Amino acid sequence: MKESHLVKVLKFIAVTGIMTAAVISVLKSGIIRHKLDEVKRKFNYKKNRDSMILIAKQINQDIKNINRRTSRKYHEKNQEKYNELWGNDYSCN
């Protein structure tokens, strides 16, 4: 009975060793590393794409604000406010 128990333990150790060797060989082969790199690239692409869209929206908003601030209508409105505060003697025109 002791010998059969010992044989079972030895078989278990052998199978465990073979499985460990298989896992290590797969990890060293680079297949999993390659798959993980693909997943990272996809995630970073999506993250970078989202951030680039936010940056583009901010640039568009800045351009609109600059165009609005440099428009003739905006300048005339500010000139009227300036004239109300300081009078026409100190106007920019």
PDB file of N, CA and C in Angstrom:
ATOM      1  N   MET A   1       0.814  -1.185   0.000  1.00  0.00           N
ATOM      2  CA  MET A   1       0.000   0.000   0.000  1.00  0.00           C
ATOM      3  C   MET A   1       0.863   1.258   0.000  1.00  0.00           C
ATOM      4  N   LYS A   2       1.962   1.218   0.701  1.00  0.00           N
ATOM      5  CA  LYS A   2       2.830   2.378   0.743  1.00  0.00           C
ATOM      6  C   LYS A   2       3.470   2.628  -0.614  1.00  0.00           C
ATOM      7  N   GLU A   3       3.789   1.525  -1.324  1.00  0.00           N
ATOM      8  CA  GLU A   3       4.418   1.683  -2.627  1.00  0.00           C
ATOM      9  C   GLU A   3       3.448   2.308  -3.635  1.00  0.00           C
ATOM     10  N   SER A   4       2.180   1.936  -3.607  1.00  0.00           N
ATOM     11  CA  SER A   4       1.208   2.515  -4.542  1.00  0.00           C
ATOM     12  C   SER A   4       0.977   3.996  -4.233  1.00  0.00           C
ATOM     13  N   HIS A   5       1.000   4.337  -2.964  1.00  0.00           N
ATOM     14  CA  HIS A   5       0.860   5.739  -2.565  1.00  0.00           C
ATOM     15  C   HIS A   5       2.067   6.545  -3.057  1.00  0.00           C
ATOM     16  N   LEU A   6       3.247   5.972  -2.942  1.00  0.00           N
ATOM     17  CA  LEU A   6       4.470   6.610  -3.401  1.00  0.00           C
ATOM     18  C   LEU A   6       4.461   6.783  -4.920  1.00  0.00           C
ATOM     19  N   VAL A   7       3.945   5.787  -5.628  1.00  0.00           N
ATOM     20  CA  VAL A   7       3.856   5.854  -7.098  1.00  0.00           C
ATOM     21  C   VAL A   7       2.906   6.981  -7.511  1.00  0.00           C
ATOM     22  N   LYS A   8       1.784   7.117  -6.811  1.00  0.00           N
ATOM     23  CA  LYS A   8       0.836   8.179  -7.118  1.00  0.00           C
ATOM     24  C   LYS A   8       1.467   9.557  -6.903  1.00  0.00           C
ATOM     25  N   VAL A   9       2.199   9.709  -5.809  1.00  0.00           N
ATOM     26  CA  VAL A   9       2.864  10.985  -5.521  1.00  0.00           C
ATOM     27  C   VAL A   9       3.910  11.287  -6.594  1.00  0.00           C
ATOM     28  N   LEU A  10       4.674  10.275  -6.983  1.00  0.00           N
ATOM     29  CA  LEU A  10       5.699  10.477  -8.007  1.00  0.00           C
ATOM     30  C   LEU A  10       5.070  10.831  -9.356  1.00  0.00           C
ATOM     31  N   LYS A  11       3.952  10.184  -9.703  1.00  0.00           N
ATOM     32  CA  LYS A  11       3.255  10.517 -10.952  1.00  0.00           C
ATOM     33  C   LYS A  11       2.756  11.966 -10.914  1.00  0.00           C
ATOM     34  N   PHE A  12       2.208  12.364  -9.763  1.00  0.00           N
ATOM     35  CA  PHE A  12       1.716  13.730  -9.611  1.00  0.00           C
ATOM     36  C   PHE A  12       2.856  14.735  -9.781  1.00  0.00           C
ATOM     37  N   ILE A  13       3.995  14.464  -9.172  1.00  0.00           N
ATOM     38  CA  ILE A  13       5.161  15.351  -9.284  1.00  0.00           C
ATOM     39  C   ILE A  13       5.645  15.407 -10.735  1.00  0.00           C
ATOM     40  N   ALA A  14       5.651  14.267 -11.419  1.00  0.00           N
ATOM     41  CA  ALA A  14       6.096  14.227 -12.812  1.00  0.00           C
ATOM     42  C   ALA A  14       5.164  15.042 -13.705  1.00  0.00           C
ATOM     43  N   VAL A  15       3.851  14.865 -13.530  1.00  0.00           N
ATOM     44  CA  VAL A  15       2.891  15.608 -14.348  1.00  0.00           C
ATOM     45  C   VAL A  15       3.007  17.105 -14.067  1.00  0.00           C
ATOM     46  N   THR A  16       3.162  17.457 -12.806  1.00  0.00           N
ATOM     47  CA  THR A  16       3.307  18.867 -12.443  1.00  0.00           C
ATOM     48  C   THR A  16       4.567  19.451 -13.071  1.00  0.00           C
ATOM     49  N   GLY A  17       5.644  18.713 -13.045  1.00  0.00           N
ATOM     50  CA  GLY A  17       6.897  19.176 -13.657  1.00  0.00           C
ATOM     51  C   GLY A  17       6.760  19.365 -15.159  1.00  0.00           C
ATOM     52  N   ILE A  18       6.083  18.422 -15.820  1.00  0.00           N
ATOM     53  CA  ILE A  18       5.878  18.544 -17.271  1.00  0.00           C
ATOM     54  C   ILE A  18       5.029  19.765 -17.592  1.00  0.00           C
ATOM     55  N   MET A  19       3.975  19.979 -16.815  1.00  0.00           N
ATOM     56  CA  MET A  19       3.109  21.140 -17.039  1.00  0.00           C
ATOM     57  C   MET A  19       3.877  22.450 -16.815  1.00  0.00           C
ATOM     58  N   THR A  20       4.687  22.482 -15.781  1.00  0.00           N
ATOM     59  CA  THR A  20       5.494  23.678 -15.501  1.00  0.00           C
ATOM     60  C   THR A  20       6.467  23.948 -16.646  1.00  0.00           C
ATOM     61  N   ALA A  21       7.102  22.903 -17.141  1.00  0.00           N
ATOM     62  CA  ALA A  21       8.038  23.056 -18.260  1.00  0.00           C
ATOM     63  C   ALA A  21       7.314  23.567 -19.504  1.00  0.00           C
ATOM     64  N   ALA A  22       6.113  23.096 -19.745  1.00  0.00           N
ATOM     65  CA  ALA A  22       5.347  23.547 -20.900  1.00  0.00           C
ATOM     66  C   ALA A  22       4.986  25.027 -20.779  1.00  0.00           C
ATOM     67  N   VAL A  23       4.567  25.422 -19.594  1.00  0.00           N
ATOM     68  CA  VAL A  23       4.206  26.824 -19.380  1.00  0.00           C
ATOM     69  C   VAL A  23       5.433  27.721 -19.553  1.00  0.00           C
ATOM     70  N   ILE A  24       6.540  27.312 -18.998  1.00  0.00           N
ATOM     71  CA  ILE A  24       7.772  28.107 -19.120  1.00  0.00           C
ATOM     72  C   ILE A  24       8.214  28.212 -20.574  1.00  0.00           C
ATOM     73  N   SER A  25       8.103  27.126 -21.326  1.00  0.00           N
ATOM     74  CA  SER A  25       8.512  27.172 -22.738  1.00  0.00           C
ATOM     75  C   SER A  25       7.605  28.096 -23.555  1.00  0.00           C
ATOM     76  N   VAL A  26       6.315  28.099 -23.242  1.00  0.00           N
ATOM     77  CA  VAL A  26       5.394  28.994 -23.951  1.00  0.00           C
ATOM     78  C   VAL A  26       5.714  30.445 -23.610  1.00  0.00           C
ATOM     79  N   LEU A  27       5.988  30.708 -22.347  1.00  0.00           N
ATOM     80  CA  LEU A  27       6.311  32.076 -21.945  1.00  0.00           C
ATOM     81  C   LEU A  27       7.604  32.558 -22.593  1.00  0.00           C
ATOM     82  N   LYS A  28       8.588  31.680 -22.670  1.00  0.00           N
ATOM     83  CA  LYS A  28       9.863  32.065 -23.266  1.00  0.00           C
ATOM     84  C   LYS A  28       9.780  32.184 -24.776  1.00  0.00           C
ATOM     85  N   SER A  29       8.840  31.507 -25.389  1.00  0.00           N
ATOM     86  CA  SER A  29       8.738  31.549 -26.843  1.00  0.00           C
ATOM     87  C   SER A  29       8.290  32.924 -27.343  1.00  0.00           C
ATOM     88  N   GLY A  30       7.645  33.700 -26.514  1.00  0.00           N
ATOM     89  CA  GLY A  30       7.258  35.052 -26.891  1.00  0.00           C
ATOM     90  C   GLY A  30       5.865  35.166 -27.453  1.00  0.00           C
ATOM     91  N   ILE A  31       5.147  34.070 -27.548  1.00  0.00           N
ATOM     92  CA  ILE A  31       3.786  34.127 -28.087  1.00  0.00           C
ATOM     93  C   ILE A  31       2.905  34.994 -27.188  1.00  0.00           C
ATOM     94  N   ILE A  32       2.966  34.743 -25.905  1.00  0.00           N
ATOM     95  CA  ILE A  32       2.132  35.509 -24.980  1.00  0.00           C
ATOM     96  C   ILE A  32       2.600  36.962 -24.921  1.00  0.00           C
ATOM     97  N   ARG A  33       3.912  37.163 -24.933  1.00  0.00           N
ATOM     98  CA  ARG A  33       4.450  38.519 -24.897  1.00  0.00           C
ATOM     99  C   ARG A  33       3.976  39.300 -26.133  1.00  0.00           C
ATOM    100  N   HIS A  34       3.978  38.623 -27.272  1.00  0.00           N
ATOM    101  CA  HIS A  34       3.520  39.257 -28.508  1.00  0.00           C
ATOM    102  C   HIS A  34       2.040  39.637 -28.402  1.00  0.00           C
ATOM    103  N   LYS A  35       1.229  38.739 -27.858  1.00  0.00           N
ATOM    104  CA  LYS A  35      -0.202  39.023 -27.696  1.00  0.00           C
ATOM    105  C   LYS A  35      -0.427  40.179 -26.719  1.00  0.00           C
ATOM    106  N   LEU A  36       0.345  40.202 -25.623  1.00  0.00           N
ATOM    107  CA  LEU A  36       0.212  41.297 -24.656  1.00  0.00           C
ATOM    108  C   LEU A  36       0.621  42.627 -25.279  1.00  0.00           C
ATOM    109  N   ASP A  37       1.659  42.618 -26.103  1.00  0.00           N
ATOM    110  CA  ASP A  37       2.071  43.843 -26.784  1.00  0.00           C
ATOM    111  C   ASP A  37       0.987  44.347 -27.729  1.00  0.00           C
ATOM    112  N   GLU A  38       0.320  43.426 -28.420  1.00  0.00           N
ATOM    113  CA  GLU A  38      -0.788  43.823 -29.294  1.00  0.00           C
ATOM    114  C   GLU A  38      -1.910  44.474 -28.500  1.00  0.00           C
ATOM    115  N   VAL A  39      -2.237  43.889 -27.359  1.00  0.00           N
ATOM    116  CA  VAL A  39      -3.306  44.447 -26.523  1.00  0.00           C
ATOM    117  C   VAL A  39      -2.899  45.831 -26.018  1.00  0.00           C
ATOM    118  N   LYS A  40      -1.647  45.987 -25.608  1.00  0.00           N
ATOM    119  CA  LYS A  40      -1.167  47.289 -25.135  1.00  0.00           C
ATOM    120  C   LYS A  40      -1.239  48.330 -26.240  1.00  0.00           C
ATOM    121  N   ARG A  41      -0.826  47.944 -27.453  1.00  0.00           N
ATOM    122  CA  ARG A  41      -0.865  48.885 -28.575  1.00  0.00           C
ATOM    123  C   ARG A  41      -2.291  49.325 -28.874  1.00  0.00           C
ATOM    124  N   LYS A  42      -3.232  48.383 -28.849  1.00  0.00           N
ATOM    125  CA  LYS A  42      -4.625  48.739 -29.110  1.00  0.00           C
ATOM    126  C   LYS A  42      -5.150  49.678 -28.038  1.00  0.00           C
ATOM    127  N   PHE A  43      -4.817  49.393 -26.782  1.00  0.00           N
ATOM    128  CA  PHE A  43      -5.278  50.238 -25.684  1.00  0.00           C
ATOM    129  C   PHE A  43      -4.659  51.629 -25.787  1.00  0.00           C
ATOM    130  N   ASN A  44      -3.358  51.691 -26.050  1.00  0.00           N
ATOM    131  CA  ASN A  44      -2.688  52.984 -26.166  1.00  0.00           C
ATOM    132  C   ASN A  44      -3.189  53.761 -27.363  1.00  0.00           C
ATOM    133  N   TYR A  45      -3.494  53.051 -28.467  1.00  0.00           N
ATOM    134  CA  TYR A  45      -4.026  53.730 -29.648  1.00  0.00           C
ATOM    135  C   TYR A  45      -5.351  54.392 -29.312  1.00  0.00           C
ATOM    136  N   LYS A  46      -6.216  53.652 -28.622  1.00  0.00           N
ATOM    137  CA  LYS A  46      -7.516  54.215 -28.265  1.00  0.00           C
ATOM    138  C   LYS A  46      -7.351  55.391 -27.309  1.00  0.00           C
ATOM    139  N   LYS A  47      -6.464  55.230 -26.332  1.00  0.00           N
ATOM    140  CA  LYS A  47      -6.228  56.291 -25.365  1.00  0.00           C
ATOM    141  C   LYS A  47      -5.639  57.521 -26.062  1.00  0.00           C
ATOM    142  N   ASN A  48      -4.645  57.301 -26.927  1.00  0.00           N
ATOM    143  CA  ASN A  48      -4.027  58.405 -27.653  1.00  0.00           C
ATOM    144  C   ASN A  48      -5.029  59.070 -28.594  1.00  0.00           C
ATOM    145  N   ARG A  49      -5.870  58.266 -29.225  1.00  0.00           N
ATOM    146  CA  ARG A  49      -6.864  58.808 -30.151  1.00  0.00           C
ATOM    147  C   ARG A  49      -7.835  59.708 -29.408  1.00  0.00           C
ATOM    148  N   ASP A  50      -8.298  59.265 -28.248  1.00  0.00           N
ATOM    149  CA  ASP A  50      -9.222  60.064 -27.458  1.00  0.00           C
ATOM    150  C   ASP A  50      -8.577  61.378 -27.010  1.00  0.00           C
ATOM    151  N   SER A  51      -7.323  61.301 -26.574  1.00  0.00           N
ATOM    152  CA  SER A  51      -6.657  62.522 -26.133  1.00  0.00           C
ATOM    153  C   SER A  51      -6.402  63.459 -27.311  1.00  0.00           C
ATOM    154  N   MET A  52      -6.098  62.913 -28.486  1.00  0.00           N
ATOM    155  CA  MET A  52      -5.887  63.756 -29.662  1.00  0.00           C
ATOM    156  C   MET A  52      -7.187  64.443 -30.079  1.00  0.00           C
ATOM    157  N   ILE A  53      -8.307  63.749 -29.950  1.00  0.00           N
ATOM    158  CA  ILE A  53      -9.597  64.362 -30.267  1.00  0.00           C
ATOM    159  C   ILE A  53      -9.888  65.513 -29.302  1.00  0.00           C
ATOM    160  N   LEU A  54      -9.593  65.314 -28.013  1.00  0.00           N
ATOM    161  CA  LEU A  54      -9.799  66.391 -27.041  1.00  0.00           C
ATOM    162  C   LEU A  54      -8.907  67.587 -27.347  1.00  0.00           C
ATOM    163  N   ILE A  55      -7.653  67.324 -27.727  1.00  0.00           N
ATOM    164  CA  ILE A  55      -6.738  68.413 -28.065  1.00  0.00           C
ATOM    165  C   ILE A  55      -7.236  69.161 -29.297  1.00  0.00           C
ATOM    166  N   ALA A  56      -7.707  68.425 -30.303  1.00  0.00           N
ATOM    167  CA  ALA A  56      -8.221  69.066 -31.519  1.00  0.00           C
ATOM    168  C   ALA A  56      -9.446  69.929 -31.206  1.00  0.00           C
ATOM    169  N   LYS A  57     -10.321  69.450 -30.344  1.00  0.00           N
ATOM    170  CA  LYS A  57     -11.492  70.239 -29.974  1.00  0.00           C
ATOM    171  C   LYS A  57     -11.078  71.520 -29.260  1.00  0.00           C
ATOM    172  N   GLN A  58     -10.068  71.411 -28.379  1.00  0.00           N
ATOM    173  CA  GLN A  58      -9.593  72.593 -27.659  1.00  0.00           C
ATOM    174  C   GLN A  58      -8.965  73.597 -28.623  1.00  0.00           C
ATOM    175  N   ILE A  59      -8.202  73.104 -29.606  1.00  0.00           N
ATOM    176  CA  ILE A  59      -7.595  73.995 -30.595  1.00  0.00           C
ATOM    177  C   ILE A  59      -8.677  74.699 -31.407  1.00  0.00           C
ATOM    178  N   ASN A  60      -9.702  73.957 -31.817  1.00  0.00           N
ATOM    179  CA  ASN A  60     -10.808  74.572 -32.564  1.00  0.00           C
ATOM    180  C   ASN A  60     -11.502  75.651 -31.734  1.00  0.00           C
ATOM    181  N   GLN A  61     -11.696  75.379 -30.448  1.00  0.00           N
ATOM    182  CA  GLN A  61     -12.343  76.358 -29.578  1.00  0.00           C
ATOM    183  C   GLN A  61     -11.463  77.596 -29.423  1.00  0.00           C
ATOM    184  N   ASP A  62     -10.154  77.396 -29.301  1.00  0.00           N
ATOM    185  CA  ASP A  62      -9.235  78.533 -29.194  1.00  0.00           C
ATOM    186  C   ASP A  62      -9.263  79.386 -30.459  1.00  0.00           C
ATOM    187  N   ILE A  63      -9.303  78.729 -31.614  1.00  0.00           N
ATOM    188  CA  ILE A  63      -9.357  79.466 -32.883  1.00  0.00           C
ATOM    189  C   ILE A  63     -10.642  80.279 -32.964  1.00  0.00           C
ATOM    190  N   LYS A  64     -11.759  79.680 -32.557  1.00  0.00           N
ATOM    191  CA  LYS A  64     -13.027  80.416 -32.571  1.00  0.00           C
ATOM    192  C   LYS A  64     -12.968  81.624 -31.642  1.00  0.00           C
ATOM    193  N   ASN A  65     -12.372  81.445 -30.461  1.00  0.00           N
ATOM    194  CA  ASN A  65     -12.265  82.553 -29.512  1.00  0.00           C
ATOM    195  C   ASN A  65     -11.368  83.664 -30.048  1.00  0.00           C
ATOM    196  N   ILE A  66     -10.266  83.281 -30.693  1.00  0.00           N
ATOM    197  CA  ILE A  66      -9.369  84.290 -31.257  1.00  0.00           C
ATOM    198  C   ILE A  66     -10.079  85.045 -32.371  1.00  0.00           C
ATOM    199  N   ASN A  67     -10.784  84.324 -33.231  1.00  0.00           N
ATOM    200  CA  ASN A  67     -11.524  84.986 -34.308  1.00  0.00           C
ATOM    201  C   ASN A  67     -12.585  85.921 -33.754  1.00  0.00           C
ATOM    202  N   ARG A  68     -13.226  85.493 -32.699  1.00  0.00           N
ATOM    203  CA  ARG A  68     -14.264  86.332 -32.096  1.00  0.00           C
ATOM    204  C   ARG A  68     -13.638  87.587 -31.497  1.00  0.00           C
ATOM    205  N   ARG A  69     -12.503  87.444 -30.795  1.00  0.00           N
ATOM    206  CA  ARG A  69     -11.869  88.582 -30.142  1.00  0.00           C
ATOM    207  C   ARG A  69     -11.260  89.574 -31.130  1.00  0.00           C
ATOM    208  N   THR A  70     -10.873  89.096 -32.277  1.00  0.00           N
ATOM    209  CA  THR A  70     -10.251  89.994 -33.249  1.00  0.00           C
ATOM    210  C   THR A  70     -11.241  90.531 -34.272  1.00  0.00           C
ATOM    211  N   SER A  71     -12.504  90.189 -34.121  1.00  0.00           N
ATOM    212  CA  SER A  71     -13.490  90.660 -35.095  1.00  0.00           C
ATOM    213  C   SER A  71     -13.768  92.147 -34.886  1.00  0.00           C
ATOM    214  N   ARG A  72     -14.237  92.788 -35.936  1.00  0.00           N
ATOM    215  CA  ARG A  72     -14.549  94.228 -35.893  1.00  0.00           C
ATOM    216  C   ARG A  72     -15.673  94.509 -34.903  1.00  0.00           C
ATOM    217  N   LYS A  73     -16.662  93.632 -34.865  1.00  0.00           N
ATOM    218  CA  LYS A  73     -17.793  93.805 -33.952  1.00  0.00           C
ATOM    219  C   LYS A  73     -17.312  93.789 -32.500  1.00  0.00           C
ATOM    220  N   TYR A  74     -16.424  92.877 -32.175  1.00  0.00           N
ATOM    221  CA  TYR A  74     -15.885  92.783 -30.814  1.00  0.00           C
ATOM    222  C   TYR A  74     -15.107  94.046 -30.476  1.00  0.00           C
ATOM    223  N   HIS A  75     -14.316  94.530 -31.421  1.00  0.00           N
ATOM    224  CA  HIS A  75     -13.528  95.734 -31.188  1.00  0.00           C
ATOM    225  C   HIS A  75     -14.435  96.945 -30.965  1.00  0.00           C
ATOM    226  N   GLU A  76     -15.490  97.057 -31.768  1.00  0.00           N
ATOM    227  CA  GLU A  76     -16.414  98.184 -31.614  1.00  0.00           C
ATOM    228  C   GLU A  76     -17.125  98.143 -30.271  1.00  0.00           C
ATOM    229  N   LYS A  77     -17.502  96.947 -29.844  1.00  0.00           N
ATOM    230  CA  LYS A  77     -18.178  96.814 -28.547  1.00  0.00           C
ATOM    231  C   LYS A  77     -17.239  97.246 -27.411  1.00  0.00           C
ATOM    232  N   ASN A  78     -15.986  96.830 -27.487  1.00  0.00           N
ATOM    233  CA  ASN A  78     -15.025  97.221 -26.452  1.00  0.00           C
ATOM    234  C   ASN A  78     -14.732  98.717 -26.513  1.00  0.00           C
ATOM    235  N   GLN A  79     -14.700  99.292 -27.700  1.00  0.00           N
ATOM    236  CA  GLN A  79     -14.458 100.726 -27.839  1.00  0.00           C
ATOM    237  C   GLN A  79     -15.589 101.518 -27.194  1.00  0.00           C
ATOM    238  N   GLU A  80     -16.828 101.052 -27.363  1.00  0.00           N
ATOM    239  CA  GLU A  80     -17.967 101.717 -26.727  1.00  0.00           C
ATOM    240  C   GLU A  80     -17.847 101.666 -25.210  1.00  0.00           C
ATOM    241  N   LYS A  81     -17.464 100.514 -24.658  1.00  0.00           N
ATOM    242  CA  LYS A  81     -17.281 100.402 -23.202  1.00  0.00           C
ATOM    243  C   LYS A  81     -16.179 101.333 -22.725  1.00  0.00           C
ATOM    244  N   TYR A  82     -15.092 101.404 -23.493  1.00  0.00           N
ATOM    245  CA  TYR A  82     -13.972 102.267 -23.128  1.00  0.00           C
ATOM    246  C   TYR A  82     -14.398 103.730 -23.147  1.00  0.00           C
ATOM    247  N   ASN A  83     -15.152 104.106 -24.177  1.00  0.00           N
ATOM    248  CA  ASN A  83     -15.614 105.482 -24.284  1.00  0.00           C
ATOM    249  C   ASN A  83     -16.549 105.846 -23.145  1.00  0.00           C
ATOM    250  N   GLU A  84     -17.398 104.910 -22.720  1.00  0.00           N
ATOM    251  CA  GLU A  84     -18.295 105.173 -21.595  1.00  0.00           C
ATOM    252  C   GLU A  84     -17.506 105.397 -20.316  1.00  0.00           C
ATOM    253  N   LEU A  85     -16.434 104.615 -20.123  1.00  0.00           N
ATOM    254  CA  LEU A  85     -15.645 104.753 -18.899  1.00  0.00           C
ATOM    255  C   LEU A  85     -14.759 106.002 -18.909  1.00  0.00           C
ATOM    256  N   TRP A  86     -14.058 106.254 -20.013  1.00  0.00           N
ATOM    257  CA  TRP A  86     -13.032 107.302 -20.032  1.00  0.00           C
ATOM    258  C   TRP A  86     -13.372 108.484 -20.924  1.00  0.00           C
ATOM    259  N   GLY A  87     -14.415 108.385 -21.674  1.00  0.00           N
ATOM    260  CA  GLY A  87     -14.792 109.498 -22.565  1.00  0.00           C
ATOM    261  C   GLY A  87     -14.093 109.365 -23.906  1.00  0.00           C
ATOM    262  N   ASN A  88     -14.487 110.187 -24.845  1.00  0.00           N
ATOM    263  CA  ASN A  88     -13.951 110.110 -26.203  1.00  0.00           C
ATOM    264  C   ASN A  88     -12.551 110.702 -26.323  1.00  0.00           C
ATOM    265  N   ASP A  89     -12.089 111.459 -25.338  1.00  0.00           N
ATOM    266  CA  ASP A  89     -10.773 112.085 -25.420  1.00  0.00           C
ATOM    267  C   ASP A  89      -9.647 111.069 -25.490  1.00  0.00           C
ATOM    268  N   TYR A  90      -9.842 109.912 -24.843  1.00  0.00           N
ATOM    269  CA  TYR A  90      -8.784 108.909 -24.772  1.00  0.00           C
ATOM    270  C   TYR A  90      -9.059 107.688 -25.659  1.00  0.00           C
ATOM    271  N   SER A  91      -9.856 107.844 -26.643  1.00  0.00           N
ATOM    272  CA  SER A  91     -10.208 106.680 -27.479  1.00  0.00           C
ATOM    273  C   SER A  91      -9.011 106.234 -28.307  1.00  0.00           C
ATOM    274  N   CYS A  92      -9.042 104.989 -28.712  1.00  0.00           N
ATOM    275  CA  CYS A  92      -7.938 104.403 -29.468  1.00  0.00           C
ATOM    276  C   CYS A  92      -7.964 104.835 -30.924  1.00  0.00           C
ATOM    277  N   ASN A  93      -9.086 105.275 -31.418  1.00  0.00           N
ATOM    278  CA  ASN A  93      -9.185 105.612 -32.856  1.00  0.00           C
ATOM    279  C   ASN A  93      -8.767 107.010 -33.121  1.00  0.00           C
TER     280      ASN A  93
END
